[in-house]
C-alpha atoms as a PDB file:
ATOM      1  CA  MET A   1      90.589-204.418 110.502  1.00  0.00           C
ATOM      2  CA  SER A   2      90.071-203.551 106.853  1.00  0.00           C
ATOM      3  CA  THR A   3      91.943-205.420 104.141  1.00  0.00           C
ATOM      4  CA  LEU A   4      92.228-205.088 100.393  1.00  0.00           C
ATOM      5  CA  SER A   5      90.572-208.181  98.966  1.00  0.00           C
ATOM      6  CA  VAL A   6      91.489-209.792  95.667  1.00  0.00           C
ATOM      7  CA  GLU A   7      88.016-208.966  94.397  1.00  0.00           C
ATOM      8  CA  LYS A   8      88.341-205.287  95.329  1.00  0.00           C
ATOM      9  CA  LEU A   9      91.760-205.026  93.696  1.00  0.00           C
ATOM     10  CA  ILE A  10      90.428-206.566  90.481  1.00  0.00           C
ATOM     11  CA  GLU A  11      87.420-204.240  90.579  1.00  0.00           C
ATOM     12  CA  ILE A  12      89.691-201.194  90.912  1.00  0.00           C
ATOM     13  CA  MET A  13      92.018-202.429  88.178  1.00  0.00           C
ATOM     14  CA  ARG A  14      89.130-202.981  85.787  1.00  0.00           C
ATOM     15  CA  ALA A  15      87.667-199.548  86.556  1.00  0.00           C
ATOM     16  CA  THR A  16      90.951-197.818  85.771  1.00  0.00           C
ATOM     17  CA  GLN A  17      91.443-199.573  82.435  1.00  0.00           C
ATOM     18  CA  GLY A  18      88.699-197.713  80.608  1.00  0.00           C
ATOM     19  CA  GLU A  19      85.812-199.070  78.622  1.00  0.00           C
ATOM     20  CA  SER A  20      87.808-199.918  75.488  1.00  0.00           C
ATOM     21  CA  ALA A  21      90.399-202.068  77.286  1.00  0.00           C
ATOM     22  CA  ASP A  22      90.213-205.839  77.419  1.00  0.00           C
ATOM     23  CA  THR A  23      89.912-206.565  81.137  1.00  0.00           C
ATOM     24  CA  SER A  24      89.157-210.268  80.740  1.00  0.00           C
ATOM     25  CA  THR A  25      92.716-211.124  81.821  1.00  0.00           C
ATOM     26  CA  LEU A  26      92.289-209.304  85.141  1.00  0.00           C
ATOM     27  CA  THR A  27      91.316-212.295  87.268  1.00  0.00           C
ATOM     28  CA  GLU A  28      92.468-213.916  90.477  1.00  0.00           C
ATOM     29  CA  GLU A  29      94.518-216.355  88.408  1.00  0.00           C
ATOM     30  CA  ALA A  30      96.517-213.405  87.028  1.00  0.00           C
ATOM     31  CA  LEU A  31      97.687-212.079  90.413  1.00  0.00           C
ATOM     32  CA  ASP A  32     101.267-213.182  89.775  1.00  0.00           C
ATOM     33  CA  THR A  33     101.352-212.032  86.153  1.00  0.00           C
ATOM     34  CA  ARG A  34     103.457-208.974  85.376  1.00  0.00           C
ATOM     35  CA  PHE A  35     101.503-205.817  84.576  1.00  0.00           C
ATOM     36  CA  THR A  36     103.218-205.611  81.199  1.00  0.00           C
ATOM     37  CA  ASP A  37     101.891-209.076  80.332  1.00  0.00           C
ATOM     38  CA  LEU A  38      98.402-207.943  81.373  1.00  0.00           C
ATOM     39  CA  SER A  39      98.642-204.859  79.123  1.00  0.00           C
ATOM     40  CA  VAL A  40      98.504-202.610  82.193  1.00  0.00           C
ATOM     41  CA  ASP A  41     100.844-199.656  81.782  1.00  0.00           C
ATOM     42  CA  SER A  42     102.579-197.673  84.516  1.00  0.00           C
ATOM     43  CA  LEU A  43      99.983-194.888  84.385  1.00  0.00           C
ATOM     44  CA  ALA A  44      97.220-197.422  85.047  1.00  0.00           C
ATOM     45  CA  VAL A  45      99.195-198.846  87.991  1.00  0.00           C
ATOM     46  CA  LEU A  46      99.520-195.311  89.358  1.00  0.00           C
ATOM     47  CA  GLU A  47      95.755-194.836  89.025  1.00  0.00           C
ATOM     48  CA  VAL A  48      95.091-198.144  90.798  1.00  0.00           C
ATOM     49  CA  VAL A  49      97.409-197.281  93.679  1.00  0.00           C
ATOM     50  CA  THR A  50      95.992-193.757  93.946  1.00  0.00           C
ATOM     51  CA  GLN A  51      92.451-195.095  94.190  1.00  0.00           C
ATOM     52  CA  ILE A  52      93.527-197.628  96.828  1.00  0.00           C
ATOM     53  CA  GLN A  53      95.291-194.892  98.825  1.00  0.00           C
ATOM     54  CA  ASP A  54      92.147-192.758  98.763  1.00  0.00           C
ATOM     55  CA  GLU A  55      89.792-195.572  99.666  1.00  0.00           C
ATOM     56  CA  PHE A  56      91.906-197.260 102.338  1.00  0.00           C
ATOM     57  CA  GLN A  57      93.640-194.152 103.726  1.00  0.00           C
ATOM     58  CA  VAL A  58      97.164-195.513 103.274  1.00  0.00           C
ATOM     59  CA  ARG A  59     100.250-194.015 101.670  1.00  0.00           C
ATOM     60  CA  VAL A  60     102.277-196.015  99.171  1.00  0.00           C
ATOM     61  CA  PRO A  61     105.670-194.370  98.562  1.00  0.00           C
ATOM     62  CA  ASP A  62     106.629-193.782  94.928  1.00  0.00           C
ATOM     63  CA  ALA A  63     109.715-195.979  95.316  1.00  0.00           C
ATOM     64  CA  ALA A  64     107.569-198.906  96.497  1.00  0.00           C
ATOM     65  CA  MET A  65     105.076-198.363  93.689  1.00  0.00           C
ATOM     66  CA  GLU A  66     107.845-198.405  91.079  1.00  0.00           C
ATOM     67  CA  GLU A  67     108.941-201.841  92.279  1.00  0.00           C
ATOM     68  CA  MET A  68     105.465-203.383  92.038  1.00  0.00           C
ATOM     69  CA  GLU A  69     105.318-205.570  88.955  1.00  0.00           C
ATOM     70  CA  THR A  70     102.263-207.734  89.674  1.00  0.00           C
ATOM     71  CA  PRO A  71      98.811-207.286  91.182  1.00  0.00           C
ATOM     72  CA  ARG A  72      99.826-209.560  94.087  1.00  0.00           C
ATOM     73  CA  GLN A  73     102.639-207.180  95.002  1.00  0.00           C
ATOM     74  CA  ILE A  74     100.116-204.345  95.325  1.00  0.00           C
ATOM     75  CA  LEU A  75      97.789-206.568  97.340  1.00  0.00           C
ATOM     76  CA  ASP A  76     100.518-207.746  99.713  1.00  0.00           C
ATOM     77  CA  TYR A  77     102.031-204.289 100.173  1.00  0.00           C
ATOM     78  CA  VAL A  78      98.724-202.555 100.900  1.00  0.00           C
ATOM     79  CA  ASN A  79      97.566-205.288 103.252  1.00  0.00           C
ATOM     80  CA  GLY A  80     100.909-205.030 105.061  1.00  0.00           C
ATOM     81  CA  LEU A  81     100.323-201.293 105.527  1.00  0.00           C
ATOM     82  CA  LEU A  82      96.785-201.911 106.763  1.00  0.00           C
ATOM     83  CA  GLU A  83      98.027-204.549 109.220  1.00  0.00           C
ATOM     84  CA  GLU A  84     100.657-202.160 110.594  1.00  0.00           C
ATOM     85  CA  ALA A  85      98.035-199.446 111.054  1.00  0.00           C
ATOM     86  CA  ALA A  86      95.672-201.711 112.966  1.00  0.00           C
END
């Protein structure tokens, strides 16, 4: 069974932030930090989720995505979907 690892999530988040963004705060220790406190806007969250959907072949409903406020919430939600699909 495939899972979304913390490392993969951080990699995707950093890739979607662009070269000029400060991604030093995107670490495992920041998993429970709100996106707004990490300077990650809603468009960047959408890009992260879209990339995860493409790579892991899952579908995250818009309503669920709108409620995700931290990286851990993305991680837990996607891994829950992957577990259900297994």
